[in-house]
C-alpha atoms as a PDB file:
ATOM      1  CA  MET A   1     -27.536   4.350  13.543  1.00  0.00           C
ATOM      2  CA  ARG A   2     -25.126   5.964  11.151  1.00  0.00           C
ATOM      3  CA  ILE A   3     -21.409   5.350  11.525  1.00  0.00           C
ATOM      4  CA  LYS A   4     -19.318   8.450  10.930  1.00  0.00           C
ATOM      5  CA  ILE A   5     -16.013   7.804   9.166  1.00  0.00           C
ATOM      6  CA  PRO A   6     -13.514  10.655   9.486  1.00  0.00           C
ATOM      7  CA  ARG A   7     -12.567  12.065   6.089  1.00  0.00           C
ATOM      8  CA  LYS A   8      -8.773  12.330   6.572  1.00  0.00           C
ATOM      9  CA  GLU A   9      -8.408   8.863   8.066  1.00  0.00           C
ATOM     10  CA  PHE A  10     -10.588   7.314   5.362  1.00  0.00           C
ATOM     11  CA  MET A  11      -8.536   9.071   2.686  1.00  0.00           C
ATOM     12  CA  PHE A  12      -5.354   7.489   4.080  1.00  0.00           C
ATOM     13  CA  LEU A  13      -7.018   4.074   4.143  1.00  0.00           C
ATOM     14  CA  ALA A  14      -8.316   4.417   0.576  1.00  0.00           C
ATOM     15  CA  LEU A  15      -5.007   5.708  -0.811  1.00  0.00           C
ATOM     16  CA  ILE A  16      -2.982   2.880   0.689  1.00  0.00           C
ATOM     17  CA  PHE A  17      -5.536   0.304  -0.491  1.00  0.00           C
ATOM     18  CA  LEU A  18      -5.562   1.787  -3.988  1.00  0.00           C
ATOM     19  CA  MET A  19      -1.799   2.071  -4.322  1.00  0.00           C
ATOM     20  CA  GLY A  20      -1.235  -1.381  -2.816  1.00  0.00           C
ATOM     21  CA  TYR A  21      -3.809  -2.912  -5.142  1.00  0.00           C
ATOM     22  CA  LEU A  22      -2.211  -1.210  -8.154  1.00  0.00           C
ATOM     23  CA  ASP A  23       1.193  -2.481  -6.991  1.00  0.00           C
ATOM     24  CA  TRP A  24      -0.169  -6.017  -6.794  1.00  0.00           C
ATOM     25  CA  LEU A  25      -1.956  -5.765 -10.156  1.00  0.00           C
ATOM     26  CA  THR A  26       1.021  -4.339 -12.021  1.00  0.00           C
ATOM     27  CA  THR A  27       3.392  -6.823 -10.383  1.00  0.00           C
ATOM     28  CA  VAL A  28       1.250  -9.802 -11.375  1.00  0.00           C
ATOM     29  CA  THR A  29       0.817  -8.448 -14.905  1.00  0.00           C
ATOM     30  CA  GLY A  30       4.530  -7.723 -15.258  1.00  0.00           C
ATOM     31  CA  VAL A  31       5.633 -11.108 -13.933  1.00  0.00           C
ATOM     32  CA  LEU A  32       3.108 -13.221 -15.823  1.00  0.00           C
ATOM     33  CA  PHE A  33       2.988 -11.419 -19.166  1.00  0.00           C
ATOM     34  CA  ARG A  34       6.056  -9.197 -19.520  1.00  0.00           C
ATOM     35  CA  GLY A  35       8.915 -11.180 -18.008  1.00  0.00           C
ATOM     36  CA  GLY A  36       9.304  -8.890 -15.019  1.00  0.00           C
ATOM     37  CA  ILE A  37      10.533  -9.978 -11.608  1.00  0.00           C
ATOM     38  CA  GLU A  38       9.568  -9.135  -8.048  1.00  0.00           C
ATOM     39  CA  LEU A  39      12.394  -7.149  -6.478  1.00  0.00           C
ATOM     40  CA  ASN A  40      11.218  -7.659  -2.896  1.00  0.00           C
ATOM     41  CA  PRO A  41      13.432 -10.510  -1.645  1.00  0.00           C
ATOM     42  CA  LEU A  42      10.749 -11.663   0.806  1.00  0.00           C
ATOM     43  CA  LEU A  43       8.150 -12.089  -1.937  1.00  0.00           C
ATOM     44  CA  SER A  44      10.219 -12.943  -5.009  1.00  0.00           C
ATOM     45  CA  GLY A  45      10.204 -16.667  -4.284  1.00  0.00           C
ATOM     46  CA  LEU A  46       6.426 -16.678  -4.107  1.00  0.00           C
ATOM     47  CA  THR A  47       6.081 -15.241  -7.614  1.00  0.00           C
ATOM     48  CA  GLN A  48       8.082 -18.167  -8.940  1.00  0.00           C
ATOM     49  CA  SER A  49       6.316 -20.880  -6.944  1.00  0.00           C
ATOM     50  CA  SER A  50       2.706 -19.793  -6.415  1.00  0.00           C
ATOM     51  CA  MET A  51       1.109 -16.663  -7.781  1.00  0.00           C
ATOM     52  CA  MET A  52      -2.000 -17.359  -5.670  1.00  0.00           C
ATOM     53  CA  LEU A  53       0.048 -17.435  -2.464  1.00  0.00           C
ATOM     54  CA  PHE A  54       1.907 -14.308  -3.580  1.00  0.00           C
ATOM     55  CA  SER A  55      -1.406 -12.544  -4.233  1.00  0.00           C
ATOM     56  CA  ALA A  56      -2.870 -13.572  -0.881  1.00  0.00           C
ATOM     57  CA  THR A  57       0.265 -12.449   0.964  1.00  0.00           C
ATOM     58  CA  LYS A  58       0.571  -9.144  -0.885  1.00  0.00           C
ATOM     59  CA  LEU A  59      -3.108  -8.200  -0.560  1.00  0.00           C
ATOM     60  CA  THR A  60      -3.172  -9.186   3.119  1.00  0.00           C
ATOM     61  CA  ALA A  61      -0.135  -6.998   3.783  1.00  0.00           C
ATOM     62  CA  VAL A  62      -1.790  -4.115   1.926  1.00  0.00           C
ATOM     63  CA  SER A  63      -4.961  -4.547   3.994  1.00  0.00           C
ATOM     64  CA  PHE A  64      -3.024  -4.546   7.264  1.00  0.00           C
ATOM     65  CA  ALA A  65      -1.035  -1.475   6.194  1.00  0.00           C
ATOM     66  CA  GLY A  66      -4.200   0.391   5.231  1.00  0.00           C
ATOM     67  CA  PHE A  67      -5.995  -0.402   8.472  1.00  0.00           C
ATOM     68  CA  ALA A  68      -2.872   0.417  10.506  1.00  0.00           C
ATOM     69  CA  ALA A  69      -2.645   3.815   8.801  1.00  0.00           C
ATOM     70  CA  TYR A  70      -6.342   4.424   9.451  1.00  0.00           C
ATOM     71  CA  GLU A  71      -6.039   3.536  13.124  1.00  0.00           C
ATOM     72  CA  ALA A  72      -2.836   5.528  13.619  1.00  0.00           C
ATOM     73  CA  ALA A  73      -4.399   8.627  12.050  1.00  0.00           C
ATOM     74  CA  ASP A  74      -7.568   8.153  14.093  1.00  0.00           C
ATOM     75  CA  ILE A  75      -5.672   7.759  17.376  1.00  0.00           C
ATOM     76  CA  THR A  76      -3.363  10.711  16.837  1.00  0.00           C
ATOM     77  CA  LYS A  77      -6.140  13.144  15.900  1.00  0.00           C
ATOM     78  CA  ASN A  78      -7.235  13.138  19.545  1.00  0.00           C
ATOM     79  CA  ALA A  79      -3.712  13.590  20.920  1.00  0.00           C
ATOM     80  CA  LYS A  80      -3.986  17.319  21.540  1.00  0.00           C
ATOM     81  CA  ASN A  81      -0.816  17.527  23.626  1.00  0.00           C
ATOM     82  CA  TRP A  82       1.148  15.589  21.025  1.00  0.00           C
ATOM     83  CA  ARG A  83       0.872  17.687  17.854  1.00  0.00           C
ATOM     84  CA  PHE A  84       4.241  16.386  16.705  1.00  0.00           C
ATOM     85  CA  LEU A  85       2.864  12.848  16.819  1.00  0.00           C
ATOM     86  CA  ASN A  86       0.028  13.776  14.465  1.00  0.00           C
ATOM     87  CA  LYS A  87       2.456  15.368  12.021  1.00  0.00           C
ATOM     88  CA  PHE A  88       4.795  12.366  12.299  1.00  0.00           C
ATOM     89  CA  VAL A  89       1.990   9.887  11.529  1.00  0.00           C
ATOM     90  CA  THR A  90       0.647  12.007   8.671  1.00  0.00           C
ATOM     91  CA  GLY A  91       4.158  12.344   7.239  1.00  0.00           C
ATOM     92  CA  GLY A  92       4.792   8.615   7.545  1.00  0.00           C
ATOM     93  CA  ILE A  93       1.562   7.744   5.794  1.00  0.00           C
ATOM     94  CA  SER A  94       2.260  10.305   3.072  1.00  0.00           C
ATOM     95  CA  LEU A  95       5.729   8.847   2.588  1.00  0.00           C
ATOM     96  CA  THR A  96       4.228   5.349   2.334  1.00  0.00           C
ATOM     97  CA  VAL A  97       1.773   6.481  -0.344  1.00  0.00           C
ATOM     98  CA  LEU A  98       4.585   8.247  -2.220  1.00  0.00           C
ATOM     99  CA  ALA A  99       6.801   5.144  -2.087  1.00  0.00           C
ATOM    100  CA  LEU A 100       3.943   2.974  -3.335  1.00  0.00           C
ATOM    101  CA  GLY A 101       3.399   5.477  -6.139  1.00  0.00           C
ATOM    102  CA  VAL A 102       7.035   5.133  -7.192  1.00  0.00           C
ATOM    103  CA  VAL A 103       6.734   1.334  -7.130  1.00  0.00           C
ATOM    104  CA  VAL A 104       3.553   1.424  -9.222  1.00  0.00           C
ATOM    105  CA  ALA A 105       5.184   3.830 -11.709  1.00  0.00           C
ATOM    106  CA  ASN A 106       8.159   1.461 -12.011  1.00  0.00           C
ATOM    107  CA  ASN A 107       5.825  -1.481 -12.545  1.00  0.00           C
ATOM    108  CA  LEU A 108       3.900   0.416 -15.225  1.00  0.00           C
ATOM    109  CA  ILE A 109       7.166   1.094 -17.051  1.00  0.00           C
ATOM    110  CA  ILE A 110       7.803  -2.655 -17.114  1.00  0.00           C
ATOM    111  CA  VAL A 111       4.226  -3.564 -18.114  1.00  0.00           C
ATOM    112  CA  PHE A 112       4.047  -1.042 -20.939  1.00  0.00           C
ATOM    113  CA  LYS A 113       7.745  -1.386 -21.923  1.00  0.00           C
ATOM    114  CA  ILE A 114       8.232   2.381 -21.810  1.00  0.00           C
END
């Protein structure tokens, strides 16, 4: 039996995973090797006490966000009477990916001292 994965929903999942992973990678690199700091007040203490715990927390949050985006997009595609809902979810996911892109770009500036 072949499992069919919808293209749009999978794209959202992959983009959030990719951007979240790049955020984690550039944050760890910036903090450990370039003297950067984590600006998220909920996670900044973890970068100073345990980078392993920070990594586990950050990557778990990214996984949950990716799967939540996938499920939300999958659920709303069948909501024929709620077209606004589909646009709202797609817009929210797009905004999330854009925000993660800005964070990654900021981290890259720190890592490469641009």
